[in-house]
Amino acid sequence: MKQIVAFFWYRTAEEFEYLKSVSEDSATHFDTYAQWLKAAENGIKQLSMPGKENEVFKAEVDPEKYLAWCRSSGHKINSKSRTAYANILCASHYGLGGQ
């Protein structure tokens, strides 16, 4: 059975820097967009290797919508909420509920 894996996807370096600056876990976050992008692309490559039954969904995030969701749902701005938000966007994309 194919598994869908959602990635919180920063669209630009500017959005990465902005969200990093307001995240409570910025000290443990990647230092630069280039570092994050390389790690994310490597992660996708690993998940997409032949024999793996994964489909990767890049949840392209609008920073203001993400922050509004965090405020309205009581989530802190951190890796846990980034994962949850990516999963919601993924579920919505595939018609599986969410938001």
C-alpha atoms as a PDB file:
ATOM      1  CA  MET A   1       0.000   0.000   0.000  1.00  0.00           C
ATOM      2  CA  LYS A   2       1.336   3.386  -1.004  1.00  0.00           C
ATOM      3  CA  GLN A   3       2.011   5.850   1.781  1.00  0.00           C
ATOM      4  CA  ILE A   4       1.763   9.586   1.226  1.00  0.00           C
ATOM      5  CA  VAL A   5       4.416  11.615   3.037  1.00  0.00           C
ATOM      6  CA  ALA A   6       3.830  15.347   3.405  1.00  0.00           C
ATOM      7  CA  PHE A   7       6.742  17.800   3.480  1.00  0.00           C
ATOM      8  CA  PHE A   8       6.288  21.346   4.801  1.00  0.00           C
ATOM      9  CA  TRP A   9       7.670  23.177   1.783  1.00  0.00           C
ATOM     10  CA  TYR A  10       9.153  26.659   1.917  1.00  0.00           C
ATOM     11  CA  ARG A  11       8.569  28.291  -1.451  1.00  0.00           C
ATOM     12  CA  THR A  12      11.365  30.853  -1.196  1.00  0.00           C
ATOM     13  CA  ALA A  13      14.416  31.715   0.870  1.00  0.00           C
ATOM     14  CA  GLU A  14      12.620  34.828   2.112  1.00  0.00           C
ATOM     15  CA  GLU A  15       9.672  32.801   3.419  1.00  0.00           C
ATOM     16  CA  PHE A  16      12.086  30.352   5.055  1.00  0.00           C
ATOM     17  CA  GLU A  17      13.886  33.203   6.828  1.00  0.00           C
ATOM     18  CA  TYR A  18      10.629  34.843   7.895  1.00  0.00           C
ATOM     19  CA  LEU A  19       9.136  31.682   9.367  1.00  0.00           C
ATOM     20  CA  LYS A  20      12.425  30.750  10.997  1.00  0.00           C
ATOM     21  CA  SER A  21      12.527  34.164  12.676  1.00  0.00           C
ATOM     22  CA  VAL A  22       9.119  33.610  14.315  1.00  0.00           C
ATOM     23  CA  SER A  23       9.562  29.914  15.157  1.00  0.00           C
ATOM     24  CA  GLU A  24      10.141  28.936  18.752  1.00  0.00           C
ATOM     25  CA  ASP A  25      12.556  26.227  17.587  1.00  0.00           C
ATOM     26  CA  SER A  26      14.687  28.462  15.361  1.00  0.00           C
ATOM     27  CA  ALA A  27      17.855  27.470  17.249  1.00  0.00           C
ATOM     28  CA  THR A  28      17.446  23.867  16.065  1.00  0.00           C
ATOM     29  CA  HIS A  29      16.237  24.788  12.586  1.00  0.00           C
ATOM     30  CA  PHE A  30      18.508  24.769   9.533  1.00  0.00           C
ATOM     31  CA  ASP A  31      20.654  27.882   9.365  1.00  0.00           C
ATOM     32  CA  THR A  32      19.902  28.663   5.723  1.00  0.00           C
ATOM     33  CA  TYR A  33      17.335  27.950   3.064  1.00  0.00           C
ATOM     34  CA  ALA A  34      20.041  26.245   0.981  1.00  0.00           C
ATOM     35  CA  GLN A  35      20.806  23.822   3.840  1.00  0.00           C
ATOM     36  CA  TRP A  36      17.118  23.103   4.371  1.00  0.00           C
ATOM     37  CA  LEU A  37      16.492  22.617   0.644  1.00  0.00           C
ATOM     38  CA  LYS A  38      19.389  20.184   0.282  1.00  0.00           C
ATOM     39  CA  ALA A  39      18.184  18.140   3.273  1.00  0.00           C
ATOM     40  CA  ALA A  40      14.574  18.190   2.066  1.00  0.00           C
ATOM     41  CA  GLU A  41      15.543  17.080  -1.430  1.00  0.00           C
ATOM     42  CA  ASN A  42      17.707  14.292   0.033  1.00  0.00           C
ATOM     43  CA  GLY A  43      14.794  13.194   2.202  1.00  0.00           C
ATOM     44  CA  ILE A  44      12.482  13.093  -0.799  1.00  0.00           C
ATOM     45  CA  LYS A  45      15.070  11.145  -2.767  1.00  0.00           C
ATOM     46  CA  GLN A  46      15.339   8.570   0.033  1.00  0.00           C
ATOM     47  CA  LEU A  47      11.563   8.221   0.325  1.00  0.00           C
ATOM     48  CA  SER A  48      11.178   7.889  -3.447  1.00  0.00           C
ATOM     49  CA  MET A  49      13.787   5.175  -4.010  1.00  0.00           C
ATOM     50  CA  PRO A  50      12.752   2.145  -6.065  1.00  0.00           C
ATOM     51  CA  GLY A  51      11.073  -0.430  -3.896  1.00  0.00           C
ATOM     52  CA  LYS A  52       9.668   2.169  -1.511  1.00  0.00           C
ATOM     53  CA  GLU A  53       5.938   2.605  -1.707  1.00  0.00           C
ATOM     54  CA  ASN A  54       5.869   6.298  -0.896  1.00  0.00           C
ATOM     55  CA  GLU A  55       4.401   9.278  -2.612  1.00  0.00           C
ATOM     56  CA  VAL A  56       5.810  12.610  -1.527  1.00  0.00           C
ATOM     57  CA  PHE A  57       3.582  15.658  -1.287  1.00  0.00           C
ATOM     58  CA  LYS A  58       5.299  19.045  -1.130  1.00  0.00           C
ATOM     59  CA  ALA A  59       2.949  21.131   0.990  1.00  0.00           C
ATOM     60  CA  GLU A  60       3.801  24.586  -0.348  1.00  0.00           C
ATOM     61  CA  VAL A  61       3.050  26.850   2.560  1.00  0.00           C
ATOM     62  CA  ASP A  62       1.763  30.394   2.549  1.00  0.00           C
ATOM     63  CA  PRO A  63       3.404  31.800   5.696  1.00  0.00           C
ATOM     64  CA  GLU A  64       0.500  34.041   6.666  1.00  0.00           C
ATOM     65  CA  LYS A  65      -2.041  31.214   6.327  1.00  0.00           C
ATOM     66  CA  TYR A  66       0.186  28.918   8.365  1.00  0.00           C
ATOM     67  CA  LEU A  67       0.612  31.516  11.110  1.00  0.00           C
ATOM     68  CA  ALA A  68      -3.134  32.241  11.136  1.00  0.00           C
ATOM     69  CA  TRP A  69      -3.801  28.502  11.466  1.00  0.00           C
ATOM     70  CA  CYS A  70      -1.341  28.302  14.366  1.00  0.00           C
ATOM     71  CA  ARG A  71      -3.091  31.190  16.132  1.00  0.00           C
ATOM     72  CA  SER A  72      -6.606  29.883  15.540  1.00  0.00           C
ATOM     73  CA  SER A  73      -5.812  26.303  16.527  1.00  0.00           C
ATOM     74  CA  GLY A  74      -3.599  27.126  19.500  1.00  0.00           C
ATOM     75  CA  HIS A  75      -0.453  25.600  18.006  1.00  0.00           C
ATOM     76  CA  LYS A  76       2.999  26.881  18.778  1.00  0.00           C
ATOM     77  CA  ILE A  77       5.168  27.760  15.789  1.00  0.00           C
ATOM     78  CA  ASN A  78       7.528  24.794  15.735  1.00  0.00           C
ATOM     79  CA  SER A  79       8.307  21.506  14.000  1.00  0.00           C
ATOM     80  CA  LYS A  80       5.218  19.816  15.434  1.00  0.00           C
ATOM     81  CA  SER A  81       2.872  22.422  13.959  1.00  0.00           C
ATOM     82  CA  ARG A  82       4.769  22.465  10.659  1.00  0.00           C
ATOM     83  CA  THR A  83       4.237  18.713  10.370  1.00  0.00           C
ATOM     84  CA  ALA A  84       0.576  18.981  11.343  1.00  0.00           C
ATOM     85  CA  TYR A  85      -0.049  21.791   8.874  1.00  0.00           C
ATOM     86  CA  ALA A  86       1.689  19.942   6.036  1.00  0.00           C
ATOM     87  CA  ASN A  87      -0.490  16.919   6.789  1.00  0.00           C
ATOM     88  CA  ILE A  88      -3.635  19.055   6.680  1.00  0.00           C
ATOM     89  CA  LEU A  89      -2.663  20.532   3.310  1.00  0.00           C
ATOM     90  CA  CYS A  90      -1.892  17.043   2.033  1.00  0.00           C
ATOM     91  CA  ALA A  91      -5.207  15.625   3.234  1.00  0.00           C
ATOM     92  CA  SER A  92      -7.059  18.536   1.662  1.00  0.00           C
ATOM     93  CA  HIS A  93      -5.190  18.071  -1.633  1.00  0.00           C
ATOM     94  CA  TYR A  94      -6.108  14.397  -1.800  1.00  0.00           C
ATOM     95  CA  GLY A  95      -9.688  14.951  -0.614  1.00  0.00           C
ATOM     96  CA  LEU A  96      -9.126  13.179   2.684  1.00  0.00           C
ATOM     97  CA  GLY A  97     -10.544  15.839   4.969  1.00  0.00           C
ATOM     98  CA  GLY A  98      -8.502  18.340   6.947  1.00  0.00           C
ATOM     99  CA  GLN A  99      -8.787  22.103   7.403  1.00  0.00           C
END
